[in-house]
Amino acid sequence: MNQSQRTLQEYRTSLTPAEVVAEAKQFFSQRNSLYAAFLEREGPGYAGFRGQGGEELLIAAAPHEGATRVTGSTYLFDMQIARFFTTLPPFQQVETLLPPSATVEGASA
């Protein structure tokens, strides 16, 4: 994985953007380690954290195509963002097929 793939990560979840932000605040504030990050600012759909050496970590969430697209951006905390994403339920797209009775009459194969 190259550096640009680590500094901006993306995930799709079934949670709402507000639920994602609440989960991020809980996840990153409860880390008791060298990589703890503390809430610095937040707004609708995003939360910004500060960590070791003033490192910034941003989590943003917005509705996108029936799911919530979550992005995480940082330079040093890429592993923590990846771990956070694993705590979110994944978005699973369900395809609905037409019932056999809905086929077009007179269509040839």
Protein backbone atom coordinates (compact mmCIF):
# COMPACT_ATOMS: atom_id res chain seq x y z
CA MET A 1 0.00 0.00 0.00
CA ASN A 2 1.52 3.32 -0.98
CA GLN A 3 1.50 6.41 1.26
CA SER A 4 -1.45 8.10 -0.48
CA GLN A 5 -3.58 4.98 0.08
CA ARG A 6 -2.73 5.07 3.80
CA THR A 7 -3.32 8.78 4.36
CA LEU A 8 -6.86 8.76 2.94
CA GLN A 9 -8.93 5.65 3.55
CA GLU A 10 -12.55 4.97 2.67
CA TYR A 11 -15.20 2.54 3.92
CA ARG A 12 -18.93 1.98 3.37
CA THR A 13 -21.22 1.17 6.28
CA SER A 14 -24.90 0.73 7.03
CA LEU A 15 -24.71 3.19 9.97
CA THR A 16 -25.94 6.76 9.60
CA PRO A 17 -23.35 9.56 9.45
CA ALA A 18 -24.28 10.66 13.00
CA GLU A 19 -23.78 7.11 14.29
CA VAL A 20 -20.37 6.92 12.59
CA VAL A 21 -19.24 10.16 14.24
CA ALA A 22 -20.46 8.91 17.65
CA GLU A 23 -18.59 5.63 17.15
CA ALA A 24 -15.41 7.49 16.13
CA LYS A 25 -15.56 9.71 19.22
CA GLN A 26 -15.89 6.66 21.44
CA PHE A 27 -13.24 4.59 19.63
CA PHE A 28 -10.48 7.20 19.47
CA SER A 29 -11.04 8.75 22.91
CA GLN A 30 -10.83 5.39 24.68
CA ARG A 31 -7.46 4.41 23.26
CA ASN A 32 -5.00 4.30 26.19
CA SER A 33 -1.78 3.94 24.32
CA LEU A 34 0.89 5.79 22.44
CA TYR A 35 -1.66 6.33 19.67
CA ALA A 36 -4.42 7.95 21.70
CA ALA A 37 -6.25 10.77 19.93
CA PHE A 38 -8.46 13.36 21.57
CA LEU A 39 -11.48 15.11 20.12
CA GLU A 40 -10.55 18.61 18.98
CA ARG A 41 -13.54 19.62 16.88
CA GLU A 42 -16.70 18.17 15.43
CA GLY A 43 -19.68 19.06 13.32
CA PRO A 44 -22.44 17.38 11.35
CA GLY A 45 -20.80 14.41 9.65
CA TYR A 46 -17.23 14.83 10.86
CA ALA A 47 -14.91 14.69 13.88
CA GLY A 48 -11.33 15.94 14.13
CA PHE A 49 -8.86 14.53 16.65
CA ARG A 50 -5.33 15.42 17.81
CA GLY A 51 -2.82 12.81 18.80
CA GLN A 52 0.85 12.28 19.45
CA GLY A 53 2.99 15.22 18.35
CA GLY A 54 -0.06 17.21 17.31
CA GLU A 55 -0.91 14.71 14.56
CA GLU A 56 -4.37 15.35 13.13
CA LEU A 57 -6.85 12.59 12.41
CA LEU A 58 -10.13 13.32 10.61
CA ILE A 59 -13.19 11.11 10.20
CA ALA A 60 -16.02 12.20 7.92
CA ALA A 61 -19.26 10.45 6.98
CA ALA A 62 -21.88 11.25 4.37
CA PRO A 63 -24.75 9.39 2.68
CA HIS A 64 -23.74 7.89 -0.66
CA GLU A 65 -25.75 5.56 -2.91
CA GLY A 66 -27.85 4.02 -0.14
CA ALA A 67 -24.95 3.61 2.29
CA THR A 68 -22.76 5.88 4.37
CA ARG A 69 -19.33 6.60 2.93
CA VAL A 70 -16.77 7.08 5.70
CA THR A 71 -13.41 8.65 5.01
CA GLY A 72 -10.48 8.77 7.36
CA SER A 73 -7.48 11.01 6.83
CA THR A 74 -4.19 11.12 8.74
CA TYR A 75 -0.47 10.71 8.24
CA LEU A 76 0.61 8.68 11.28
CA PHE A 77 -2.63 7.04 12.47
CA ASP A 78 -3.44 5.01 9.34
CA MET A 79 -3.46 1.71 11.26
CA GLN A 80 -5.87 3.09 13.86
CA ILE A 81 -8.24 4.29 11.14
CA ALA A 82 -8.14 0.85 9.53
CA ARG A 83 -8.93 -0.71 12.92
CA PHE A 84 -11.79 1.73 13.45
CA PHE A 85 -13.29 0.76 10.11
CA THR A 86 -13.32 -2.91 11.18
CA THR A 87 -15.60 -1.98 14.11
CA LEU A 88 -18.27 -0.57 11.79
CA PRO A 89 -20.89 -2.85 10.25
CA PRO A 90 -20.28 -3.17 6.52
CA PHE A 91 -22.78 -2.02 3.93
CA GLN A 92 -24.11 -4.97 1.99
CA GLN A 93 -25.91 -4.17 -1.20
CA VAL A 94 -28.93 -6.37 -1.76
CA GLU A 95 -30.04 -6.93 -5.32
CA THR A 96 -33.72 -7.43 -5.90
CA LEU A 97 -34.51 -9.45 -8.96
CA LEU A 98 -37.79 -9.16 -10.81
CA PRO A 99 -40.17 -12.06 -10.17
CA PRO A 100 -40.72 -14.41 -13.14
CA SER A 101 -44.21 -12.97 -13.69
CA ALA A 102 -42.70 -9.52 -14.38
CA THR A 103 -40.91 -10.58 -17.55
CA VAL A 104 -41.87 -8.78 -20.72
CA GLU A 105 -44.40 -10.72 -22.79
CA GLY A 106 -43.46 -11.37 -26.35
CA ALA A 107 -39.73 -10.94 -25.74
CA SER A 108 -37.68 -13.52 -27.56
CA ALA A 109 -34.53 -15.04 -26.17
